[in-house]
């Protein structure tokens, strides 16, 4: 049997219970066609990069499938009919990824911990008011430029050339 990764996006106004019911429907259909769903990962409601069928968000779900190609064709046909599904994608893979997918690892990693703790306003304690520069205090790292020489006077304008009356 071939191995597939299948992702579908359900409309934002569908409840998580309805997404689970749709996932169970897909699993039972694949099982009836001689395949198996080895992993299901609901990624939850996420923002889309652009609007799809008037939706700005969607419920993402990943399925790892081991099934004949006829089962995948039938699943894609059913999803194309379903009004709650706005997009789907099936990719044939050589082997399924062990453990959680990259999306779930990203959520679990908590990459903010690497950058250090944050203060009550979300800024880092070692940062200045803007948050993106270290605090320099009174600009002690710059040498004093001393007194600047006076500027030369501006040249007189010719108001006739400017069209001002």
N, C-alpha and C. Protein backbone atom coordinates (compact mmCIF):
# COMPACT_ATOMS: atom_id res chain seq x y z
N UNK A 1 0.84 -1.19 0.00
CA UNK A 1 0.00 0.00 0.00
C UNK A 1 0.88 1.25 0.00
N UNK A 2 0.38 2.28 -0.62
CA UNK A 2 1.10 3.56 -0.68
C UNK A 2 0.84 4.35 0.61
N UNK A 3 1.80 5.22 0.92
CA UNK A 3 1.68 6.07 2.10
C UNK A 3 1.41 7.50 1.67
N UNK A 4 0.49 8.17 2.37
CA UNK A 4 0.10 9.54 2.01
C UNK A 4 0.04 10.40 3.27
N UNK A 5 0.30 11.68 3.08
CA UNK A 5 -0.01 12.70 4.08
C UNK A 5 -1.14 13.52 3.49
N UNK A 6 -2.21 13.65 4.26
CA UNK A 6 -3.40 14.35 3.77
C UNK A 6 -3.74 15.46 4.76
N UNK A 7 -3.92 16.66 4.27
CA UNK A 7 -4.30 17.80 5.10
C UNK A 7 -5.58 18.38 4.52
N UNK A 8 -6.54 18.64 5.39
CA UNK A 8 -7.73 19.35 4.93
C UNK A 8 -8.01 20.53 5.84
N UNK A 9 -8.62 21.56 5.25
CA UNK A 9 -8.97 22.79 5.95
C UNK A 9 -10.48 22.90 5.98
N UNK A 10 -11.04 23.01 7.17
CA UNK A 10 -12.48 23.17 7.34
C UNK A 10 -12.78 24.64 7.64
N UNK A 11 -13.98 25.08 7.27
CA UNK A 11 -14.38 26.47 7.47
C UNK A 11 -14.22 26.90 8.92
N UNK A 12 -14.05 28.21 9.12
CA UNK A 12 -13.81 28.74 10.46
C UNK A 12 -15.04 28.68 11.35
N UNK A 13 -16.24 28.69 10.78
CA UNK A 13 -17.45 28.68 11.60
C UNK A 13 -17.93 27.27 11.94
N UNK A 14 -17.17 26.25 11.55
CA UNK A 14 -17.49 24.87 11.91
C UNK A 14 -16.92 24.61 13.30
N UNK A 15 -17.65 23.87 14.12
CA UNK A 15 -17.18 23.59 15.48
C UNK A 15 -16.10 22.49 15.45
N UNK A 16 -15.24 22.45 16.46
CA UNK A 16 -14.24 21.38 16.53
C UNK A 16 -14.87 19.98 16.56
N UNK A 17 -16.07 19.86 17.13
CA UNK A 17 -16.74 18.56 17.14
C UNK A 17 -17.14 18.14 15.72
N UNK A 18 -17.53 19.09 14.90
CA UNK A 18 -17.88 18.77 13.52
C UNK A 18 -16.63 18.37 12.73
N UNK A 19 -15.50 19.00 13.04
CA UNK A 19 -14.24 18.63 12.38
C UNK A 19 -13.86 17.21 12.78
N UNK A 20 -14.03 16.87 14.05
CA UNK A 20 -13.76 15.50 14.50
C UNK A 20 -14.68 14.50 13.81
N UNK A 21 -15.95 14.86 13.65
CA UNK A 21 -16.90 13.96 12.98
C UNK A 21 -16.49 13.76 11.52
N UNK A 22 -16.03 14.83 10.87
CA UNK A 22 -15.58 14.71 9.49
C UNK A 22 -14.34 13.83 9.40
N UNK A 23 -13.43 13.97 10.37
CA UNK A 23 -12.24 13.13 10.41
C UNK A 23 -12.62 11.66 10.59
N UNK A 24 -13.57 11.39 11.48
CA UNK A 24 -14.03 10.01 11.68
C UNK A 24 -14.68 9.46 10.41
N UNK A 25 -15.40 10.29 9.70
CA UNK A 25 -16.03 9.88 8.44
C UNK A 25 -14.95 9.49 7.42
N UNK A 26 -13.89 10.28 7.34
CA UNK A 26 -12.79 9.98 6.42
C UNK A 26 -12.11 8.68 6.83
N UNK A 27 -11.85 8.50 8.14
CA UNK A 27 -11.20 7.28 8.61
C UNK A 27 -12.02 6.04 8.29
N UNK A 28 -13.33 6.12 8.50
CA UNK A 28 -14.17 4.94 8.23
C UNK A 28 -14.24 4.65 6.74
N UNK A 29 -14.24 5.68 5.90
CA UNK A 29 -14.29 5.47 4.45
C UNK A 29 -12.99 4.83 3.97
N UNK A 30 -11.86 5.29 4.49
CA UNK A 30 -10.58 4.70 4.11
C UNK A 30 -10.50 3.24 4.56
N UNK A 31 -10.98 2.96 5.77
CA UNK A 31 -10.98 1.58 6.27
C UNK A 31 -11.86 0.69 5.42
N UNK A 32 -12.98 1.20 4.96
CA UNK A 32 -13.88 0.39 4.13
C UNK A 32 -13.29 0.13 2.74
N UNK A 33 -12.35 0.96 2.32
CA UNK A 33 -11.71 0.78 1.02
C UNK A 33 -10.36 0.07 1.12
N UNK A 34 -10.06 -0.51 2.29
CA UNK A 34 -8.87 -1.33 2.44
C UNK A 34 -7.63 -0.59 2.90
N UNK A 35 -7.79 0.58 3.48
CA UNK A 35 -6.65 1.34 3.96
C UNK A 35 -6.72 1.57 5.46
N UNK A 36 -5.80 2.37 5.96
CA UNK A 36 -5.77 2.68 7.39
C UNK A 36 -5.23 4.09 7.59
N UNK A 37 -5.75 4.77 8.59
CA UNK A 37 -5.24 6.07 9.00
C UNK A 37 -4.34 5.82 10.20
N UNK A 38 -3.04 6.08 10.04
CA UNK A 38 -2.09 5.76 11.11
C UNK A 38 -1.92 6.88 12.12
N UNK A 39 -2.19 8.12 11.72
CA UNK A 39 -2.03 9.23 12.67
C UNK A 39 -3.00 10.34 12.28
N UNK A 40 -3.61 10.96 13.29
CA UNK A 40 -4.47 12.12 13.09
C UNK A 40 -3.95 13.23 13.99
N UNK A 41 -3.70 14.39 13.39
CA UNK A 41 -3.23 15.55 14.15
C UNK A 41 -4.13 16.74 13.87
N UNK A 42 -5.02 17.08 14.81
CA UNK A 42 -5.78 18.33 14.63
C UNK A 42 -4.90 19.51 15.04
N UNK A 43 -4.63 20.40 14.12
CA UNK A 43 -3.77 21.56 14.40
C UNK A 43 -4.57 22.73 14.95
N UNK A 44 -5.87 22.65 14.90
CA UNK A 44 -6.71 23.70 15.46
C UNK A 44 -7.03 24.79 14.45
N UNK A 45 -7.61 25.86 14.96
CA UNK A 45 -8.02 27.00 14.15
C UNK A 45 -6.81 27.91 13.95
N UNK A 46 -6.44 28.13 12.69
CA UNK A 46 -5.28 28.96 12.37
C UNK A 46 -5.66 30.00 11.33
N UNK A 47 -4.93 31.09 11.34
CA UNK A 47 -5.14 32.14 10.34
C UNK A 47 -4.57 31.68 9.01
N UNK A 48 -5.25 32.07 7.95
CA UNK A 48 -4.79 31.76 6.60
C UNK A 48 -3.94 32.91 6.07
N UNK A 49 -3.05 32.62 5.15
CA UNK A 49 -2.20 33.65 4.57
C UNK A 49 -3.02 34.59 3.68
N UNK A 50 -4.09 34.07 3.10
CA UNK A 50 -4.99 34.88 2.27
C UNK A 50 -6.39 34.28 2.38
N UNK A 51 -7.39 35.06 2.02
CA UNK A 51 -8.76 34.58 2.14
C UNK A 51 -9.02 33.46 1.14
N UNK A 52 -9.70 32.42 1.60
CA UNK A 52 -10.11 31.32 0.75
C UNK A 52 -11.61 31.18 0.91
N UNK A 53 -12.35 31.39 -0.16
CA UNK A 53 -13.81 31.29 -0.14
C UNK A 53 -14.39 32.10 1.02
N UNK A 54 -13.93 33.35 1.16
CA UNK A 54 -14.39 34.31 2.16
C UNK A 54 -14.05 33.93 3.60
N UNK A 55 -13.10 33.03 3.79
CA UNK A 55 -12.67 32.63 5.13
C UNK A 55 -11.27 33.16 5.41
N UNK A 56 -11.08 33.74 6.58
CA UNK A 56 -9.75 34.23 6.99
C UNK A 56 -9.04 33.24 7.90
N UNK A 57 -9.78 32.28 8.45
CA UNK A 57 -9.22 31.25 9.32
C UNK A 57 -9.79 29.91 8.90
N UNK A 58 -9.14 28.83 9.35
CA UNK A 58 -9.62 27.49 9.04
C UNK A 58 -9.14 26.51 10.11
N UNK A 59 -9.87 25.41 10.25
CA UNK A 59 -9.47 24.31 11.12
C UNK A 59 -8.59 23.38 10.28
N UNK A 60 -7.34 23.20 10.69
CA UNK A 60 -6.39 22.36 9.97
C UNK A 60 -6.36 20.97 10.62
N UNK A 61 -6.30 19.93 9.79
CA UNK A 61 -6.18 18.56 10.29
C UNK A 61 -5.26 17.79 9.36
N UNK A 62 -4.28 17.09 9.94
CA UNK A 62 -3.34 16.26 9.20
C UNK A 62 -3.68 14.80 9.44
N UNK A 63 -3.68 14.00 8.36
CA UNK A 63 -3.90 12.56 8.45
C UNK A 63 -2.76 11.84 7.76
N UNK A 64 -2.16 10.86 8.42
CA UNK A 64 -1.22 9.96 7.76
C UNK A 64 -2.01 8.73 7.33
N UNK A 65 -1.96 8.44 6.03
CA UNK A 65 -2.81 7.40 5.46
C UNK A 65 -1.94 6.35 4.79
N UNK A 66 -2.28 5.08 5.01
CA UNK A 66 -1.70 3.95 4.27
C UNK A 66 -2.88 3.29 3.57
N UNK A 67 -2.98 3.52 2.26
CA UNK A 67 -4.15 3.04 1.54
C UNK A 67 -3.85 2.93 0.04
N UNK A 68 -4.66 2.16 -0.68
CA UNK A 68 -4.51 2.15 -2.14
C UNK A 68 -4.94 3.50 -2.73
N UNK A 69 -4.48 3.77 -3.92
CA UNK A 69 -4.75 5.07 -4.54
C UNK A 69 -6.25 5.30 -4.77
N UNK A 70 -7.01 4.23 -4.98
CA UNK A 70 -8.46 4.38 -5.19
C UNK A 70 -9.13 4.98 -3.95
N UNK A 71 -8.63 4.62 -2.77
CA UNK A 71 -9.21 5.16 -1.53
C UNK A 71 -8.95 6.66 -1.44
N UNK A 72 -7.76 7.08 -1.83
CA UNK A 72 -7.42 8.50 -1.76
C UNK A 72 -8.25 9.29 -2.77
N UNK A 73 -8.44 8.74 -3.95
CA UNK A 73 -9.28 9.41 -4.96
C UNK A 73 -10.70 9.57 -4.45
N UNK A 74 -11.23 8.54 -3.79
CA UNK A 74 -12.59 8.61 -3.24
C UNK A 74 -12.69 9.64 -2.12
N UNK A 75 -11.68 9.69 -1.25
CA UNK A 75 -11.68 10.68 -0.16
C UNK A 75 -11.66 12.09 -0.74
N UNK A 76 -10.82 12.33 -1.74
CA UNK A 76 -10.76 13.66 -2.35
C UNK A 76 -12.08 14.01 -3.03
N UNK A 77 -12.74 13.02 -3.61
CA UNK A 77 -14.05 13.28 -4.22
C UNK A 77 -15.07 13.69 -3.16
N UNK A 78 -15.07 12.99 -2.02
CA UNK A 78 -16.00 13.32 -0.94
C UNK A 78 -15.72 14.71 -0.36
N UNK A 79 -14.44 15.04 -0.20
CA UNK A 79 -14.11 16.35 0.35
C UNK A 79 -14.45 17.48 -0.61
N UNK A 80 -14.35 17.22 -1.91
CA UNK A 80 -14.69 18.27 -2.88
C UNK A 80 -16.19 18.56 -2.87
N UNK A 81 -16.99 17.58 -2.47
CA UNK A 81 -18.45 17.76 -2.39
C UNK A 81 -18.84 18.48 -1.10
N UNK A 82 -18.11 18.21 -0.02
CA UNK A 82 -18.44 18.74 1.30
C UNK A 82 -18.27 20.26 1.34
N UNK A 83 -19.30 20.98 1.76
CA UNK A 83 -19.25 22.44 1.82
C UNK A 83 -18.42 22.97 2.98
N UNK A 84 -18.20 22.15 3.99
CA UNK A 84 -17.42 22.59 5.15
C UNK A 84 -15.92 22.59 4.88
N UNK A 85 -15.48 21.85 3.88
CA UNK A 85 -14.05 21.76 3.55
C UNK A 85 -13.74 22.80 2.48
N UNK A 86 -12.77 23.68 2.80
CA UNK A 86 -12.44 24.72 1.82
C UNK A 86 -11.21 24.36 0.98
N UNK A 87 -10.29 23.54 1.51
CA UNK A 87 -9.13 23.08 0.76
C UNK A 87 -8.69 21.74 1.30
N UNK A 88 -8.01 20.97 0.44
CA UNK A 88 -7.38 19.72 0.89
C UNK A 88 -6.17 19.48 0.01
N UNK A 89 -5.23 18.72 0.54
CA UNK A 89 -4.02 18.39 -0.18
C UNK A 89 -3.56 17.01 0.25
N UNK A 90 -3.26 16.16 -0.73
CA UNK A 90 -2.76 14.82 -0.46
C UNK A 90 -1.42 14.67 -1.14
N UNK A 91 -0.41 14.22 -0.39
CA UNK A 91 0.93 14.05 -0.92
C UNK A 91 1.37 12.62 -0.66
N UNK A 92 1.90 11.96 -1.67
CA UNK A 92 2.44 10.62 -1.48
C UNK A 92 3.85 10.76 -0.91
N UNK A 93 4.13 9.97 0.14
CA UNK A 93 5.44 10.02 0.80
C UNK A 93 6.05 8.62 0.82
N UNK A 94 7.36 8.56 0.97
CA UNK A 94 8.05 7.27 1.06
C UNK A 94 7.84 6.62 2.42
N UNK A 95 7.83 7.45 3.46
CA UNK A 95 7.56 6.95 4.80
C UNK A 95 6.95 8.06 5.63
N UNK A 96 6.17 7.66 6.63
CA UNK A 96 5.55 8.65 7.50
C UNK A 96 6.55 9.15 8.53
N UNK A 97 6.41 10.39 8.90
CA UNK A 97 7.27 11.00 9.91
C UNK A 97 6.91 10.43 11.28
N UNK A 98 7.95 10.03 12.02
CA UNK A 98 7.71 9.50 13.36
C UNK A 98 7.57 10.67 14.34
N UNK A 99 6.69 10.53 15.27
CA UNK A 99 6.48 11.59 16.26
C UNK A 99 5.58 12.68 15.72
N UNK A 100 5.51 13.79 16.45
CA UNK A 100 4.63 14.88 16.03
C UNK A 100 5.17 15.59 14.78
N UNK A 101 4.27 16.19 14.04
CA UNK A 101 4.65 16.91 12.82
C UNK A 101 5.36 18.21 13.19
N UNK A 102 5.87 18.89 12.19
CA UNK A 102 6.59 20.14 12.41
C UNK A 102 5.69 21.20 13.03
N UNK A 103 4.42 21.21 12.67
CA UNK A 103 3.49 22.20 13.22
C UNK A 103 3.32 22.01 14.73
N UNK A 104 3.19 20.78 15.17
CA UNK A 104 3.04 20.54 16.61
C UNK A 104 4.35 20.74 17.34
N UNK A 105 5.47 20.41 16.72
CA UNK A 105 6.77 20.65 17.35
C UNK A 105 7.00 22.13 17.54
N UNK A 106 6.60 22.94 16.54
CA UNK A 106 6.77 24.38 16.64
C UNK A 106 5.98 24.93 17.82
N UNK A 107 4.79 24.42 18.01
CA UNK A 107 3.96 24.87 19.12
C UNK A 107 4.56 24.45 20.46
N UNK A 108 5.13 23.25 20.52
CA UNK A 108 5.68 22.73 21.77
C UNK A 108 7.04 23.32 22.12
N UNK A 109 7.82 23.69 21.11
CA UNK A 109 9.18 24.18 21.36
C UNK A 109 9.18 25.42 22.23
N UNK A 110 8.25 26.33 22.02
CA UNK A 110 8.24 27.57 22.79
C UNK A 110 9.53 28.34 22.55
N UNK A 111 9.77 28.73 21.31
CA UNK A 111 11.03 29.35 20.94
C UNK A 111 11.29 30.66 21.68
N UNK A 112 10.33 31.19 22.39
CA UNK A 112 10.57 32.41 23.15
C UNK A 112 11.51 32.14 24.32
N UNK A 113 11.53 30.90 24.82
CA UNK A 113 12.40 30.59 25.95
C UNK A 113 13.87 30.79 25.60
N UNK A 114 14.24 30.59 24.35
CA UNK A 114 15.63 30.76 23.94
C UNK A 114 16.06 32.21 24.05
N UNK A 115 15.15 33.12 23.83
CA UNK A 115 15.49 34.53 23.79
C UNK A 115 15.49 35.17 25.16
N UNK A 116 15.09 34.45 26.15
CA UNK A 116 15.13 34.99 27.50
C UNK A 116 13.77 35.39 28.00
N UNK A 117 13.70 35.72 29.29
CA UNK A 117 12.41 36.06 29.90
C UNK A 117 11.91 37.41 29.41
N UNK A 118 10.62 37.60 29.54
CA UNK A 118 9.98 38.84 29.14
C UNK A 118 9.42 39.53 30.38
N UNK A 119 9.40 40.85 30.31
CA UNK A 119 8.86 41.63 31.41
C UNK A 119 7.34 41.67 31.36
N UNK A 120 6.70 42.43 32.26
CA UNK A 120 5.24 42.47 32.31
C UNK A 120 4.62 43.09 31.06
N UNK A 121 5.34 43.96 30.36
CA UNK A 121 4.80 44.58 29.15
C UNK A 121 5.20 43.83 27.89
N UNK A 122 5.85 42.68 28.03
CA UNK A 122 6.27 41.91 26.87
C UNK A 122 7.67 42.26 26.41
N UNK A 123 8.31 43.25 27.06
CA UNK A 123 9.65 43.62 26.65
C UNK A 123 10.67 42.80 27.45
N UNK A 124 11.85 42.74 26.94
CA UNK A 124 12.89 42.00 27.64
C UNK A 124 13.53 42.93 28.66
N UNK A 125 13.93 42.40 29.81
CA UNK A 125 14.47 43.26 30.86
C UNK A 125 15.77 43.95 30.46
N UNK A 126 16.55 43.35 29.55
CA UNK A 126 17.82 43.95 29.17
C UNK A 126 17.67 44.92 28.01
N UNK A 127 16.46 45.25 27.64
CA UNK A 127 16.23 46.11 26.50
C UNK A 127 15.74 47.48 26.96
N UNK A 128 15.91 48.45 26.08
CA UNK A 128 15.45 49.81 26.37
C UNK A 128 13.96 49.94 26.15
N UNK A 129 13.51 51.16 26.01
CA UNK A 129 12.09 51.43 25.89
C UNK A 129 11.52 50.88 24.59
N UNK A 130 12.27 50.99 23.48
CA UNK A 130 11.76 50.51 22.21
C UNK A 130 11.74 49.00 22.14
N UNK A 131 12.58 48.32 22.91
CA UNK A 131 12.55 46.88 22.95
C UNK A 131 13.49 46.21 21.97
N UNK A 132 13.96 46.91 20.95
CA UNK A 132 14.83 46.28 19.98
C UNK A 132 16.27 46.74 20.07
N UNK A 133 16.59 47.61 21.00
CA UNK A 133 17.95 48.08 21.18
C UNK A 133 18.34 47.96 22.65
N UNK A 134 19.62 47.70 22.90
CA UNK A 134 20.03 47.69 24.31
C UNK A 134 19.97 49.10 24.89
N UNK A 135 19.75 49.16 26.19
CA UNK A 135 19.66 50.46 26.85
C UNK A 135 21.05 51.09 26.90
N UNK A 136 21.19 52.30 26.34
CA UNK A 136 22.49 52.97 26.30
C UNK A 136 22.58 54.10 27.32
N UNK A 137 21.56 54.28 28.09
CA UNK A 137 21.58 55.32 29.11
C UNK A 137 21.70 56.70 28.48
N UNK A 138 22.75 57.39 28.83
CA UNK A 138 22.96 58.76 28.32
C UNK A 138 23.86 58.77 27.10
N UNK A 139 23.82 57.72 26.31
CA UNK A 139 24.65 57.62 25.10
C UNK A 139 26.12 57.71 25.45
N UNK A 140 26.51 56.99 26.47
CA UNK A 140 27.88 57.02 26.93
C UNK A 140 28.86 56.43 25.94
N UNK A 141 28.38 55.66 24.98
CA UNK A 141 29.29 55.03 24.05
C UNK A 141 29.68 55.95 22.89
N UNK A 142 29.09 57.15 22.81
CA UNK A 142 29.42 58.08 21.74
C UNK A 142 30.38 59.15 22.25
N UNK A 143 31.39 59.49 21.47
CA UNK A 143 32.27 60.58 21.91
C UNK A 143 31.57 61.93 21.79
N UNK A 144 31.99 62.87 22.61
CA UNK A 144 31.43 64.21 22.56
C UNK A 144 31.93 64.91 21.29
N UNK A 145 31.00 65.49 20.53
CA UNK A 145 31.39 66.14 19.28
C UNK A 145 31.82 67.59 19.49
N UNK A 146 31.65 68.05 20.67
CA UNK A 146 32.05 69.43 20.93
C UNK A 146 31.04 70.41 20.35
N UNK A 147 31.43 71.69 20.35
CA UNK A 147 30.54 72.71 19.80
C UNK A 147 30.58 72.67 18.29
N UNK A 148 29.42 72.82 17.70
CA UNK A 148 29.34 72.83 16.24
C UNK A 148 29.55 74.26 15.75
N UNK A 149 30.19 74.40 14.63
CA UNK A 149 30.33 75.76 14.08
C UNK A 149 28.99 76.28 13.60
N UNK A 150 28.86 77.58 13.57
CA UNK A 150 27.63 78.19 13.08
C UNK A 150 27.46 77.91 11.60
N UNK A 151 26.21 77.77 11.22
CA UNK A 151 25.91 77.55 9.82
C UNK A 151 26.04 78.87 9.05
N UNK A 152 26.38 78.77 7.79
CA UNK A 152 26.37 79.99 6.99
C UNK A 152 24.93 80.42 6.75
N UNK A 153 24.69 81.69 6.54
CA UNK A 153 23.31 82.14 6.31
C UNK A 153 22.77 81.54 5.02
N UNK A 154 21.46 81.36 5.00
CA UNK A 154 20.83 80.83 3.79
C UNK A 154 20.87 81.87 2.69
N UNK A 155 20.89 81.35 1.48
CA UNK A 155 20.88 82.29 0.37
C UNK A 155 19.47 82.82 0.18
N UNK A 156 19.37 83.98 -0.34
CA UNK A 156 18.07 84.62 -0.53
C UNK A 156 17.32 83.91 -1.64
N UNK A 157 16.02 83.78 -1.44
CA UNK A 157 15.19 83.16 -2.45
C UNK A 157 14.71 84.20 -3.43
N UNK A 158 14.53 83.73 -4.61
CA UNK A 158 13.94 84.58 -5.64
C UNK A 158 12.47 84.20 -5.72
N UNK A 159 11.58 84.93 -5.05
CA UNK A 159 10.16 84.57 -4.98
C UNK A 159 9.51 84.55 -6.35
N UNK A 160 10.03 85.24 -7.29
CA UNK A 160 9.44 85.26 -8.65
C UNK A 160 9.58 83.89 -9.30
N UNK A 161 10.68 83.18 -9.04
CA UNK A 161 10.88 81.87 -9.64
C UNK A 161 10.00 80.79 -9.02
N UNK A 162 9.58 81.01 -7.78
CA UNK A 162 8.75 80.04 -7.10
C UNK A 162 7.27 80.21 -7.40
N UNK A 163 6.90 81.29 -8.05
CA UNK A 163 5.50 81.52 -8.38
C UNK A 163 4.69 82.04 -7.22
N UNK A 164 5.33 82.57 -6.19
CA UNK A 164 4.66 83.10 -5.01
C UNK A 164 4.54 84.61 -5.18
N UNK A 165 3.37 85.12 -4.90
CA UNK A 165 3.21 86.56 -5.05
C UNK A 165 3.08 87.25 -3.73
